[in-house]
Amino acid sequence: MDINIMIMLAGLLLLHCLFALRAFNSRVNLSTNKKCFWCLLSLILGPMGYYGYHGFIPLDRILKD
């Protein structure tokens, strides 16, 4: 297999893992099941899953920084 393809796949896997970790460590006030679902979507779909689910979270649950 070409080395460029392997590097791109490793980068994509790292990106998905970073977004899953970001969802897991989020300070949003959600139940454990919803947070695990958000983490799973982020792991599978990457940024699209992270921000897609983030759009469904009510604004009153998002904590101010």
N, C-alpha and C. Protein backbone atom coordinates (compact mmCIF):
# COMPACT_ATOMS: atom_id res chain seq x y z
N MET A 1 0.85 -1.16 0.00
CA MET A 1 0.00 0.00 0.00
C MET A 1 0.91 1.24 0.00
N ASP A 2 0.44 2.27 -0.60
CA ASP A 2 1.21 3.50 -0.69
C ASP A 2 1.33 4.16 0.69
N ILE A 3 2.50 4.72 0.97
CA ILE A 3 2.76 5.32 2.28
C ILE A 3 1.88 6.56 2.51
N ASN A 4 1.56 7.30 1.45
CA ASN A 4 0.70 8.48 1.60
C ASN A 4 -0.71 8.10 2.05
N ILE A 5 -1.21 7.02 1.53
CA ILE A 5 -2.55 6.55 1.93
C ILE A 5 -2.54 6.13 3.39
N MET A 6 -1.48 5.46 3.81
CA MET A 6 -1.39 5.02 5.21
C MET A 6 -1.29 6.22 6.16
N ILE A 7 -0.54 7.24 5.77
CA ILE A 7 -0.42 8.44 6.60
C ILE A 7 -1.75 9.17 6.67
N MET A 8 -2.46 9.26 5.54
CA MET A 8 -3.77 9.93 5.53
C MET A 8 -4.79 9.16 6.38
N LEU A 9 -4.78 7.85 6.33
CA LEU A 9 -5.69 7.05 7.15
C LEU A 9 -5.36 7.18 8.63
N ALA A 10 -4.09 7.23 8.97
CA ALA A 10 -3.70 7.41 10.36
C ALA A 10 -4.13 8.80 10.86
N GLY A 11 -3.99 9.82 10.01
CA GLY A 11 -4.44 11.16 10.38
C GLY A 11 -5.94 11.23 10.56
N LEU A 12 -6.68 10.55 9.70
CA LEU A 12 -8.14 10.52 9.81
C LEU A 12 -8.57 9.79 11.08
N LEU A 13 -7.92 8.69 11.40
CA LEU A 13 -8.22 7.96 12.63
C LEU A 13 -7.92 8.82 13.86
N LEU A 14 -6.82 9.54 13.83
CA LEU A 14 -6.47 10.44 14.93
C LEU A 14 -7.50 11.55 15.08
N LEU A 15 -7.95 12.11 13.97
CA LEU A 15 -8.97 13.15 14.00
C LEU A 15 -10.26 12.65 14.64
N HIS A 16 -10.69 11.46 14.26
CA HIS A 16 -11.91 10.89 14.83
C HIS A 16 -11.75 10.63 16.33
N CYS A 17 -10.59 10.14 16.72
CA CYS A 17 -10.34 9.89 18.15
C CYS A 17 -10.31 11.19 18.95
N LEU A 18 -9.75 12.24 18.38
CA LEU A 18 -9.71 13.53 19.08
C LEU A 18 -11.11 14.11 19.28
N PHE A 19 -11.97 13.98 18.28
CA PHE A 19 -13.33 14.48 18.44
C PHE A 19 -14.13 13.63 19.42
N ALA A 20 -13.88 12.32 19.46
CA ALA A 20 -14.55 11.47 20.45
C ALA A 20 -14.08 11.82 21.85
N LEU A 21 -12.81 12.10 22.02
CA LEU A 21 -12.28 12.50 23.32
C LEU A 21 -12.84 13.86 23.74
N ARG A 22 -12.98 14.75 22.77
CA ARG A 22 -13.55 16.07 23.07
C ARG A 22 -15.00 15.95 23.52
N ALA A 23 -15.76 15.07 22.90
CA ALA A 23 -17.15 14.85 23.32
C ALA A 23 -17.20 14.21 24.70
N PHE A 24 -16.29 13.29 24.98
CA PHE A 24 -16.26 12.61 26.27
C PHE A 24 -15.90 13.57 27.40
N ASN A 25 -14.97 14.47 27.15
CA ASN A 25 -14.51 15.41 28.18
C ASN A 25 -15.31 16.70 28.22
N SER A 26 -16.37 16.79 27.45
CA SER A 26 -17.17 18.01 27.40
C SER A 26 -17.85 18.27 28.74
N ARG A 27 -18.01 19.55 29.07
CA ARG A 27 -18.65 19.94 30.32
C ARG A 27 -20.16 20.12 30.15
N VAL A 28 -20.72 19.68 29.06
CA VAL A 28 -22.16 19.79 28.82
C VAL A 28 -22.89 18.88 29.80
N ASN A 29 -23.97 19.37 30.37
CA ASN A 29 -24.75 18.63 31.37
C ASN A 29 -25.70 17.67 30.66
N LEU A 30 -25.19 16.47 30.35
CA LEU A 30 -25.99 15.43 29.70
C LEU A 30 -25.95 14.15 30.52
N SER A 31 -26.93 13.29 30.32
CA SER A 31 -26.90 12.00 30.98
C SER A 31 -25.75 11.16 30.40
N THR A 32 -25.38 10.13 31.11
CA THR A 32 -24.27 9.29 30.68
C THR A 32 -24.57 8.62 29.35
N ASN A 33 -25.81 8.16 29.16
CA ASN A 33 -26.17 7.50 27.90
C ASN A 33 -26.06 8.46 26.72
N LYS A 34 -26.54 9.68 26.89
CA LYS A 34 -26.47 10.66 25.79
C LYS A 34 -25.03 11.06 25.50
N LYS A 35 -24.22 11.17 26.54
CA LYS A 35 -22.81 11.52 26.35
C LYS A 35 -22.06 10.39 25.65
N CYS A 36 -22.38 9.14 26.00
CA CYS A 36 -21.76 7.99 25.32
C CYS A 36 -22.19 7.92 23.86
N PHE A 37 -23.45 8.22 23.59
CA PHE A 37 -23.94 8.24 22.21
C PHE A 37 -23.23 9.33 21.41
N TRP A 38 -23.04 10.50 22.02
CA TRP A 38 -22.34 11.61 21.38
C TRP A 38 -20.89 11.22 21.10
N CYS A 39 -20.27 10.54 22.05
CA CYS A 39 -18.89 10.09 21.89
C CYS A 39 -18.80 9.05 20.77
N LEU A 40 -19.75 8.14 20.70
CA LEU A 40 -19.76 7.12 19.64
C LEU A 40 -19.97 7.75 18.27
N LEU A 41 -20.89 8.70 18.17
CA LEU A 41 -21.09 9.39 16.89
C LEU A 41 -19.83 10.14 16.47
N SER A 42 -19.16 10.75 17.43
CA SER A 42 -17.94 11.48 17.13
C SER A 42 -16.83 10.54 16.69
N LEU A 43 -16.80 9.35 17.28
CA LEU A 43 -15.78 8.37 16.90
C LEU A 43 -16.03 7.83 15.50
N ILE A 44 -17.29 7.60 15.17
CA ILE A 44 -17.62 7.03 13.87
C ILE A 44 -17.59 8.08 12.76
N LEU A 45 -18.19 9.24 13.01
CA LEU A 45 -18.33 10.25 11.96
C LEU A 45 -17.33 11.40 12.05
N GLY A 46 -16.56 11.45 13.13
CA GLY A 46 -15.57 12.52 13.29
C GLY A 46 -16.23 13.86 13.55
N PRO A 47 -15.71 14.92 12.93
CA PRO A 47 -16.26 16.26 13.18
C PRO A 47 -17.73 16.40 12.82
N MET A 48 -18.16 15.69 11.79
CA MET A 48 -19.55 15.78 11.37
C MET A 48 -20.48 15.23 12.46
N GLY A 49 -20.10 14.14 13.12
CA GLY A 49 -20.89 13.59 14.20
C GLY A 49 -20.86 14.46 15.44
N TYR A 50 -19.69 15.02 15.73
CA TYR A 50 -19.54 15.88 16.91
C TYR A 50 -20.41 17.12 16.80
N TYR A 51 -20.26 17.85 15.71
CA TYR A 51 -21.02 19.09 15.56
C TYR A 51 -22.48 18.84 15.21
N GLY A 52 -22.78 17.71 14.57
CA GLY A 52 -24.17 17.36 14.29
C GLY A 52 -24.95 17.12 15.57
N TYR A 53 -24.37 16.36 16.50
CA TYR A 53 -25.06 16.11 17.76
C TYR A 53 -25.05 17.36 18.63
N HIS A 54 -23.98 18.14 18.55
CA HIS A 54 -23.88 19.38 19.33
C HIS A 54 -25.03 20.33 18.98
N GLY A 55 -25.48 20.29 17.74
CA GLY A 55 -26.60 21.13 17.30
C GLY A 55 -27.93 20.74 17.91
N PHE A 56 -28.06 19.49 18.39
CA PHE A 56 -29.29 19.02 19.00
C PHE A 56 -29.34 19.24 20.51
N ILE A 57 -28.23 19.66 21.11
CA ILE A 57 -28.20 19.89 22.55
C ILE A 57 -28.88 21.22 22.85
N PRO A 58 -29.86 21.23 23.76
CA PRO A 58 -30.52 22.51 24.10
C PRO A 58 -29.50 23.49 24.71
N LEU A 59 -29.71 24.76 24.44
CA LEU A 59 -28.75 25.77 24.89
C LEU A 59 -28.66 25.87 26.40
N ASP A 60 -29.72 25.52 27.11
CA ASP A 60 -29.66 25.62 28.57
C ASP A 60 -28.78 24.53 29.19
N ARG A 61 -28.44 23.50 28.45
CA ARG A 61 -27.56 22.45 28.95
C ARG A 61 -26.09 22.77 28.75
N ILE A 62 -25.80 23.69 27.85
CA ILE A 62 -24.41 24.03 27.56
C ILE A 62 -23.93 25.01 28.62
N LEU A 63 -22.87 24.65 29.30
CA LEU A 63 -22.35 25.48 30.39
C LEU A 63 -21.50 26.60 29.81
N LYS A 64 -21.55 27.73 30.46
CA LYS A 64 -20.72 28.87 30.05
C LYS A 64 -19.30 28.62 30.50
N ASP A 65 -18.34 29.01 29.67
CA ASP A 65 -16.92 28.86 30.03
C ASP A 65 -16.45 29.99 30.89
